[in-house]
PDB file of N, CA and C in Angstrom:
ATOM      1  N   UNK A   1       0.814  -1.195   0.000  1.00  0.00           N
ATOM      2  CA  UNK A   1       0.000   0.000   0.000  1.00  0.00           C
ATOM      3  C   UNK A   1       0.857   1.260   0.000  1.00  0.00           C
ATOM      4  N   UNK A   2       2.075   1.149   0.505  1.00  0.00           N
ATOM      5  CA  UNK A   2       2.938   2.332   0.568  1.00  0.00           C
ATOM      6  C   UNK A   2       3.165   2.953  -0.799  1.00  0.00           C
ATOM      7  N   UNK A   3       3.413   2.097  -1.812  1.00  0.00           N
ATOM      8  CA  UNK A   3       3.678   2.648  -3.145  1.00  0.00           C
ATOM      9  C   UNK A   3       2.426   3.294  -3.747  1.00  0.00           C
ATOM     10  N   UNK A   4       1.259   2.782  -3.409  1.00  0.00           N
ATOM     11  CA  UNK A   4       0.025   3.402  -3.904  1.00  0.00           C
ATOM     12  C   UNK A   4      -0.204   4.741  -3.214  1.00  0.00           C
ATOM     13  N   UNK A   5       0.106   4.807  -1.918  1.00  0.00           N
ATOM     14  CA  UNK A   5      -0.013   6.075  -1.196  1.00  0.00           C
ATOM     15  C   UNK A   5       0.928   7.124  -1.789  1.00  0.00           C
ATOM     16  N   UNK A   6       2.132   6.710  -2.174  1.00  0.00           N
ATOM     17  CA  UNK A   6       3.066   7.638  -2.814  1.00  0.00           C
ATOM     18  C   UNK A   6       2.495   8.134  -4.143  1.00  0.00           C
ATOM     19  N   UNK A   7       1.858   7.229  -4.885  1.00  0.00           N
ATOM     20  CA  UNK A   7       1.279   7.588  -6.172  1.00  0.00           C
ATOM     21  C   UNK A   7       0.186   8.643  -5.991  1.00  0.00           C
ATOM     22  N   UNK A   8      -0.551   8.554  -4.886  1.00  0.00           N
ATOM     23  CA  UNK A   8      -1.665   9.469  -4.653  1.00  0.00           C
ATOM     24  C   UNK A   8      -1.277  10.714  -3.865  1.00  0.00           C
ATOM     25  N   UNK A   9      -0.026  10.835  -3.503  1.00  0.00           N
ATOM     26  CA  UNK A   9       0.413  11.997  -2.717  1.00  0.00           C
ATOM     27  C   UNK A   9       0.015  13.293  -3.417  1.00  0.00           C
ATOM     28  N   UNK A  10      -0.634  14.171  -2.680  1.00  0.00           N
ATOM     29  CA  UNK A  10      -1.058  15.448  -3.225  1.00  0.00           C
ATOM     30  C   UNK A  10      -2.354  15.386  -4.016  1.00  0.00           C
ATOM     31  N   UNK A  11      -2.963  14.212  -4.084  1.00  0.00           N
ATOM     32  CA  UNK A  11      -4.234  14.051  -4.812  1.00  0.00           C
ATOM     33  C   UNK A  11      -5.315  13.646  -3.820  1.00  0.00           C
ATOM     34  N   UNK A  12      -5.796  14.602  -3.063  1.00  0.00           N
ATOM     35  CA  UNK A  12      -6.757  14.317  -2.003  1.00  0.00           C
ATOM     36  C   UNK A  12      -8.079  13.752  -2.503  1.00  0.00           C
ATOM     37  N   UNK A  13      -8.467  14.061  -3.719  1.00  0.00           N
ATOM     38  CA  UNK A  13      -9.779  13.650  -4.220  1.00  0.00           C
ATOM     39  C   UNK A  13      -9.702  12.536  -5.259  1.00  0.00           C
ATOM     40  N   UNK A  14      -8.591  11.810  -5.299  1.00  0.00           N
ATOM     41  CA  UNK A  14      -8.433  10.708  -6.243  1.00  0.00           C
ATOM     42  C   UNK A  14      -9.366   9.560  -5.826  1.00  0.00           C
ATOM     43  N   UNK A  15     -10.019   8.885  -6.787  1.00  0.00           N
ATOM     44  CA  UNK A  15     -10.947   7.796  -6.455  1.00  0.00           C
ATOM     45  C   UNK A  15     -10.319   6.665  -5.632  1.00  0.00           C
ATOM     46  N   UNK A  16      -9.033   6.434  -5.800  1.00  0.00           N
ATOM     47  CA  UNK A  16      -8.365   5.360  -5.066  1.00  0.00           C
ATOM     48  C   UNK A  16      -8.157   5.708  -3.586  1.00  0.00           C
ATOM     49  N   UNK A  17      -8.226   6.974  -3.236  1.00  0.00           N
ATOM     50  CA  UNK A  17      -8.024   7.405  -1.853  1.00  0.00           C
ATOM     51  C   UNK A  17      -9.053   6.736  -0.930  1.00  0.00           C
ATOM     52  N   UNK A  18     -10.322   6.708  -1.334  1.00  0.00           N
ATOM     53  CA  UNK A  18     -11.373   6.081  -0.525  1.00  0.00           C
ATOM     54  C   UNK A  18     -11.116   4.578  -0.369  1.00  0.00           C
ATOM     55  N   UNK A  19     -10.648   3.936  -1.435  1.00  0.00           N
ATOM     56  CA  UNK A  19     -10.342   2.515  -1.368  1.00  0.00           C
ATOM     57  C   UNK A  19      -9.237   2.249  -0.348  1.00  0.00           C
ATOM     58  N   UNK A  20      -8.184   3.048  -0.371  1.00  0.00           N
ATOM     59  CA  UNK A  20      -7.095   2.874   0.587  1.00  0.00           C
ATOM     60  C   UNK A  20      -7.588   3.023   2.019  1.00  0.00           C
ATOM     61  N   UNK A  21      -8.467   3.950   2.255  1.00  0.00           N
ATOM     62  CA  UNK A  21      -9.008   4.141   3.597  1.00  0.00           C
ATOM     63  C   UNK A  21      -9.839   2.929   4.024  1.00  0.00           C
ATOM     64  N   UNK A  22     -10.561   2.333   3.084  1.00  0.00           N
ATOM     65  CA  UNK A  22     -11.400   1.183   3.410  1.00  0.00           C
ATOM     66  C   UNK A  22     -10.597  -0.072   3.717  1.00  0.00           C
ATOM     67  N   UNK A  23      -9.417  -0.231   3.106  1.00  0.00           N
ATOM     68  CA  UNK A  23      -8.625  -1.439   3.338  1.00  0.00           C
ATOM     69  C   UNK A  23      -7.508  -1.236   4.342  1.00  0.00           C
ATOM     70  N   UNK A  24      -7.442  -0.073   4.966  1.00  0.00           N
ATOM     71  CA  UNK A  24      -6.476   0.174   6.023  1.00  0.00           C
ATOM     72  C   UNK A  24      -6.713  -0.813   7.162  1.00  0.00           C
ATOM     73  N   UNK A  25      -5.653  -1.266   7.821  1.00  0.00           N
ATOM     74  CA  UNK A  25      -5.792  -2.277   8.869  1.00  0.00           C
ATOM     75  C   UNK A  25      -6.654  -1.809  10.043  1.00  0.00           C
ATOM     76  N   UNK A  26      -6.829  -0.512  10.215  1.00  0.00           N
ATOM     77  CA  UNK A  26      -7.645   0.011  11.305  1.00  0.00           C
ATOM     78  C   UNK A  26      -9.016   0.494  10.809  1.00  0.00           C
ATOM     79  N   UNK A  27      -9.400   0.047   9.645  1.00  0.00           N
ATOM     80  CA  UNK A  27     -10.654   0.476   9.022  1.00  0.00           C
ATOM     81  C   UNK A  27     -11.874  -0.025   9.800  1.00  0.00           C
ATOM     82  N   UNK A  28     -12.818   0.865  10.039  1.00  0.00           N
ATOM     83  CA  UNK A  28     -14.074   0.479  10.685  1.00  0.00           C
ATOM     84  C   UNK A  28     -14.831  -0.531   9.822  1.00  0.00           C
ATOM     85  N   UNK A  29     -14.773  -0.337   8.510  1.00  0.00           N
ATOM     86  CA  UNK A  29     -15.440  -1.248   7.590  1.00  0.00           C
ATOM     87  C   UNK A  29     -14.887  -2.666   7.733  1.00  0.00           C
ATOM     88  N   UNK A  30     -13.569  -2.806   7.749  1.00  0.00           N
ATOM     89  CA  UNK A  30     -12.968  -4.138   7.868  1.00  0.00           C
ATOM     90  C   UNK A  30     -13.257  -4.761   9.227  1.00  0.00           C
ATOM     91  N   UNK A  31     -13.249  -3.960  10.279  1.00  0.00           N
ATOM     92  CA  UNK A  31     -13.552  -4.490  11.612  1.00  0.00           C
ATOM     93  C   UNK A  31     -14.986  -5.014  11.661  1.00  0.00           C
ATOM     94  N   UNK A  32     -15.892  -4.293  11.053  1.00  0.00           N
ATOM     95  CA  UNK A  32     -17.290  -4.715  11.002  1.00  0.00           C
ATOM     96  C   UNK A  32     -17.432  -6.012  10.210  1.00  0.00           C
ATOM     97  N   UNK A  33     -16.733  -6.099   9.083  1.00  0.00           N
ATOM     98  CA  UNK A  33     -16.788  -7.305   8.266  1.00  0.00           C
ATOM     99  C   UNK A  33     -16.169  -8.497   8.993  1.00  0.00           C
ATOM    100  N   UNK A  34     -15.123  -8.255   9.761  1.00  0.00           N
ATOM    101  CA  UNK A  34     -14.493  -9.322  10.536  1.00  0.00           C
ATOM    102  C   UNK A  34     -15.464  -9.886  11.567  1.00  0.00           C
ATOM    103  N   UNK A  35     -16.165  -9.021  12.265  1.00  0.00           N
ATOM    104  CA  UNK A  35     -17.150  -9.480  13.244  1.00  0.00           C
ATOM    105  C   UNK A  35     -18.266 -10.283  12.565  1.00  0.00           C
ATOM    106  N   UNK A  36     -18.739  -9.802  11.436  1.00  0.00           N
ATOM    107  CA  UNK A  36     -19.765 -10.536  10.685  1.00  0.00           C
ATOM    108  C   UNK A  36     -19.256 -11.908  10.264  1.00  0.00           C
ATOM    109  N   UNK A  37     -18.017 -11.947   9.809  1.00  0.00           N
ATOM    110  CA  UNK A  37     -17.413 -13.205   9.362  1.00  0.00           C
ATOM    111  C   UNK A  37     -17.289 -14.187  10.520  1.00  0.00           C
ATOM    112  N   UNK A  38     -16.813 -13.715  11.660  1.00  0.00           N
ATOM    113  CA  UNK A  38     -16.678 -14.587  12.836  1.00  0.00           C
ATOM    114  C   UNK A  38     -18.021 -15.165  13.256  1.00  0.00           C
ATOM    115  N   UNK A  39     -19.055 -14.350  13.200  1.00  0.00           N
ATOM    116  CA  UNK A  39     -20.391 -14.841  13.541  1.00  0.00           C
ATOM    117  C   UNK A  39     -20.913 -15.839  12.511  1.00  0.00           C
ATOM    118  N   UNK A  40     -20.543 -15.663  11.279  1.00  0.00           N
ATOM    119  CA  UNK A  40     -21.003 -16.523  10.198  1.00  0.00           C
ATOM    120  C   UNK A  40     -20.354 -17.910  10.245  1.00  0.00           C
ATOM    121  N   UNK A  41     -19.048 -17.968  10.483  1.00  0.00           N
ATOM    122  CA  UNK A  41     -18.343 -19.251  10.412  1.00  0.00           C
ATOM    123  C   UNK A  41     -18.496 -20.096  11.674  1.00  0.00           C
ATOM    124  N   UNK A  42     -18.735 -19.469  12.797  1.00  0.00           N
ATOM    125  CA  UNK A  42     -18.902 -20.138  14.093  1.00  0.00           C
ATOM    126  C   UNK A  42     -17.835 -21.191  14.329  1.00  0.00           C
ATOM    127  N   UNK A  43     -18.165 -22.476  14.206  1.00  0.00           N
ATOM    128  CA  UNK A  43     -17.213 -23.538  14.542  1.00  0.00           C
ATOM    129  C   UNK A  43     -16.511 -24.150  13.332  1.00  0.00           C
ATOM    130  N   UNK A  44     -16.629 -23.521  12.197  1.00  0.00           N
ATOM    131  CA  UNK A  44     -15.951 -24.026  10.994  1.00  0.00           C
ATOM    132  C   UNK A  44     -14.471 -23.652  11.035  1.00  0.00           C
ATOM    133  N   UNK A  45     -13.681 -24.412  10.318  1.00  0.00           N
ATOM    134  CA  UNK A  45     -12.252 -24.111  10.229  1.00  0.00           C
ATOM    135  C   UNK A  45     -11.980 -23.279   8.979  1.00  0.00           C
ATOM    136  N   UNK A  46     -10.989 -22.417   9.066  1.00  0.00           N
ATOM    137  CA  UNK A  46     -10.620 -21.545   7.954  1.00  0.00           C
ATOM    138  C   UNK A  46      -9.180 -21.844   7.561  1.00  0.00           C
ATOM    139  N   UNK A  47      -8.947 -21.988   6.261  1.00  0.00           N
ATOM    140  CA  UNK A  47      -7.600 -22.186   5.742  1.00  0.00           C
ATOM    141  C   UNK A  47      -7.214 -20.916   5.003  1.00  0.00           C
ATOM    142  N   UNK A  48      -6.036 -20.390   5.314  1.00  0.00           N
ATOM    143  CA  UNK A  48      -5.588 -19.148   4.691  1.00  0.00           C
ATOM    144  C   UNK A  48      -4.354 -19.394   3.834  1.00  0.00           C
ATOM    145  N   UNK A  49      -4.260 -18.650   2.766  1.00  0.00           N
ATOM    146  CA  UNK A  49      -3.095 -18.679   1.883  1.00  0.00           C
ATOM    147  C   UNK A  49      -2.582 -17.261   1.747  1.00  0.00           C
ATOM    148  N   UNK A  50      -1.289 -17.107   1.615  1.00  0.00           N
ATOM    149  CA  UNK A  50      -0.715 -15.783   1.455  1.00  0.00           C
ATOM    150  C   UNK A  50       0.584 -15.875   0.671  1.00  0.00           C
ATOM    151  N   UNK A  51       0.968 -14.751   0.092  1.00  0.00           N
ATOM    152  CA  UNK A  51       2.197 -14.696  -0.691  1.00  0.00           C
ATOM    153  C   UNK A  51       3.388 -14.603   0.246  1.00  0.00           C
ATOM    154  N   UNK A  52       4.474 -15.251  -0.120  1.00  0.00           N
ATOM    155  CA  UNK A  52       5.671 -15.254   0.728  1.00  0.00           C
ATOM    156  C   UNK A  52       6.775 -14.360   0.186  1.00  0.00           C
ATOM    157  N   UNK A  53       6.584 -13.820  -1.003  1.00  0.00           N
ATOM    158  CA  UNK A  53       7.601 -12.948  -1.581  1.00  0.00           C
ATOM    159  C   UNK A  53       7.034 -11.547  -1.783  1.00  0.00           C
ATOM    160  N   UNK A  54       7.899 -10.565  -1.698  1.00  0.00           N
ATOM    161  CA  UNK A  54       7.502  -9.166  -1.844  1.00  0.00           C
ATOM    162  C   UNK A  54       7.106  -8.869  -3.286  1.00  0.00           C
ATOM    163  N   UNK A  55       6.009  -8.184  -3.466  1.00  0.00           N
ATOM    164  CA  UNK A  55       5.572  -7.747  -4.790  1.00  0.00           C
ATOM    165  C   UNK A  55       6.454  -6.594  -5.250  1.00  0.00           C
ATOM    166  N   UNK A  56       6.763  -6.552  -6.536  1.00  0.00           N
ATOM    167  CA  UNK A  56       7.572  -5.444  -7.052  1.00  0.00           C
ATOM    168  C   UNK A  56       6.875  -4.116  -6.781  1.00  0.00           C
ATOM    169  N   UNK A  57       7.659  -3.086  -6.529  1.00  0.00           N
ATOM    170  CA  UNK A  57       7.116  -1.757  -6.234  1.00  0.00           C
ATOM    171  C   UNK A  57       6.443  -1.152  -7.463  1.00  0.00           C
ATOM    172  N   UNK A  58       5.451  -0.344  -7.202  1.00  0.00           N
ATOM    173  CA  UNK A  58       4.753   0.374  -8.257  1.00  0.00           C
ATOM    174  C   UNK A  58       5.681   1.462  -8.793  1.00  0.00           C
ATOM    175  N   UNK A  59       5.789   1.568 -10.114  1.00  0.00           N
ATOM    176  CA  UNK A  59       6.670   2.551 -10.730  1.00  0.00           C
ATOM    177  C   UNK A  59       5.879   3.442 -11.678  1.00  0.00           C
ATOM    178  N   UNK A  60       6.227   4.704 -11.704  1.00  0.00           N
ATOM    179  CA  UNK A  60       5.590   5.663 -12.603  1.00  0.00           C
ATOM    180  C   UNK A  60       6.250   5.564 -13.966  1.00  0.00           C
ATOM    181  N   UNK A  61       5.441   5.472 -15.014  1.00  0.00           N
ATOM    182  CA  UNK A  61       5.947   5.380 -16.386  1.00  0.00           C
ATOM    183  C   UNK A  61       5.352   6.522 -17.183  1.00  0.00           C
ATOM    184  N   UNK A  62       6.205   7.333 -17.749  1.00  0.00           N
ATOM    185  CA  UNK A  62       5.725   8.446 -18.566  1.00  0.00           C
ATOM    186  C   UNK A  62       5.769   7.993 -20.027  1.00  0.00           C
ATOM    187  N   UNK A  63       4.614   7.683 -20.538  1.00  0.00           N
ATOM    188  CA  UNK A  63       4.490   7.324 -21.949  1.00  0.00           C
ATOM    189  C   UNK A  63       3.190   7.940 -22.468  1.00  0.00           C
ATOM    190  N   UNK A  64       2.628   7.386 -23.490  1.00  0.00           N
ATOM    191  CA  UNK A  64       1.403   7.934 -24.069  1.00  0.00           C
ATOM    192  C   UNK A  64       0.272   7.975 -23.042  1.00  0.00           C
ATOM    193  N   UNK A  65       0.168   6.909 -22.241  1.00  0.00           N
ATOM    194  CA  UNK A  65      -0.936   6.841 -21.275  1.00  0.00           C
ATOM    195  C   UNK A  65      -0.562   7.425 -19.913  1.00  0.00           C
ATOM    196  N   UNK A  66       0.714   7.707 -19.655  1.00  0.00           N
ATOM    197  CA  UNK A  66       1.202   8.182 -18.371  1.00  0.00           C
ATOM    198  C   UNK A  66       0.537   7.382 -17.262  1.00  0.00           C
ATOM    199  N   UNK A  67       1.124   6.229 -16.989  1.00  0.00           N
ATOM    200  CA  UNK A  67       0.501   5.263 -16.095  1.00  0.00           C
ATOM    201  C   UNK A  67       1.476   4.721 -15.057  1.00  0.00           C
ATOM    202  N   UNK A  68       0.990   3.816 -14.239  1.00  0.00           N
ATOM    203  CA  UNK A  68       1.804   3.134 -13.241  1.00  0.00           C
ATOM    204  C   UNK A  68       1.804   1.652 -13.549  1.00  0.00           C
ATOM    205  N   UNK A  69       2.880   0.950 -13.170  1.00  0.00           N
ATOM    206  CA  UNK A  69       2.954  -0.489 -13.368  1.00  0.00           C
ATOM    207  C   UNK A  69       3.967  -1.079 -12.418  1.00  0.00           C
ATOM    208  N   UNK A  70       4.134  -2.384 -12.443  1.00  0.00           N
ATOM    209  CA  UNK A  70       5.049  -3.082 -11.542  1.00  0.00           C
ATOM    210  C   UNK A  70       6.143  -3.776 -12.366  1.00  0.00           C
ATOM    211  N   UNK A  71       7.335  -3.248 -12.341  1.00  0.00           N
ATOM    212  CA  UNK A  71       8.510  -3.855 -12.937  1.00  0.00           C
ATOM    213  C   UNK A  71       8.328  -4.415 -14.334  1.00  0.00           C
ATOM    214  N   UNK A  72       8.301  -5.768 -14.461  1.00  0.00           N
ATOM    215  CA  UNK A  72       8.269  -6.444 -15.760  1.00  0.00           C
ATOM    216  C   UNK A  72       7.042  -6.046 -16.583  1.00  0.00           C
ATOM    217  N   UNK A  73       5.976  -5.649 -15.938  1.00  0.00           N
ATOM    218  CA  UNK A  73       4.767  -5.248 -16.678  1.00  0.00           C
ATOM    219  C   UNK A  73       5.029  -4.015 -17.548  1.00  0.00           C
ATOM    220  N   UNK A  74       6.050  -3.263 -17.188  1.00  0.00           N
ATOM    221  CA  UNK A  74       6.312  -2.001 -17.853  1.00  0.00           C
ATOM    222  C   UNK A  74       6.941  -2.166 -19.215  1.00  0.00           C
ATOM    223  N   UNK A  75       7.542  -3.319 -19.472  1.00  0.00           N
ATOM    224  CA  UNK A  75       8.248  -3.537 -20.735  1.00  0.00           C
ATOM    225  C   UNK A  75       7.301  -3.802 -21.878  1.00  0.00           C
TER     226      UNK A  75
END
């Protein structure tokens, strides 16, 4: 999320700003969803999967579309 926050620096009204606030670890929305989820699963078991390697950082590319991408995607 750090690289996305850097991308949005100085853009207070960017559409992605609201998304970042919603997925922040201290988000009221996520806390509410967590409580709902805990009530829903009750005694069921949950299996989680996660990535073990760091994702490439978001990079600014100045071309025709002036966009952002992650490393190899830029070529």
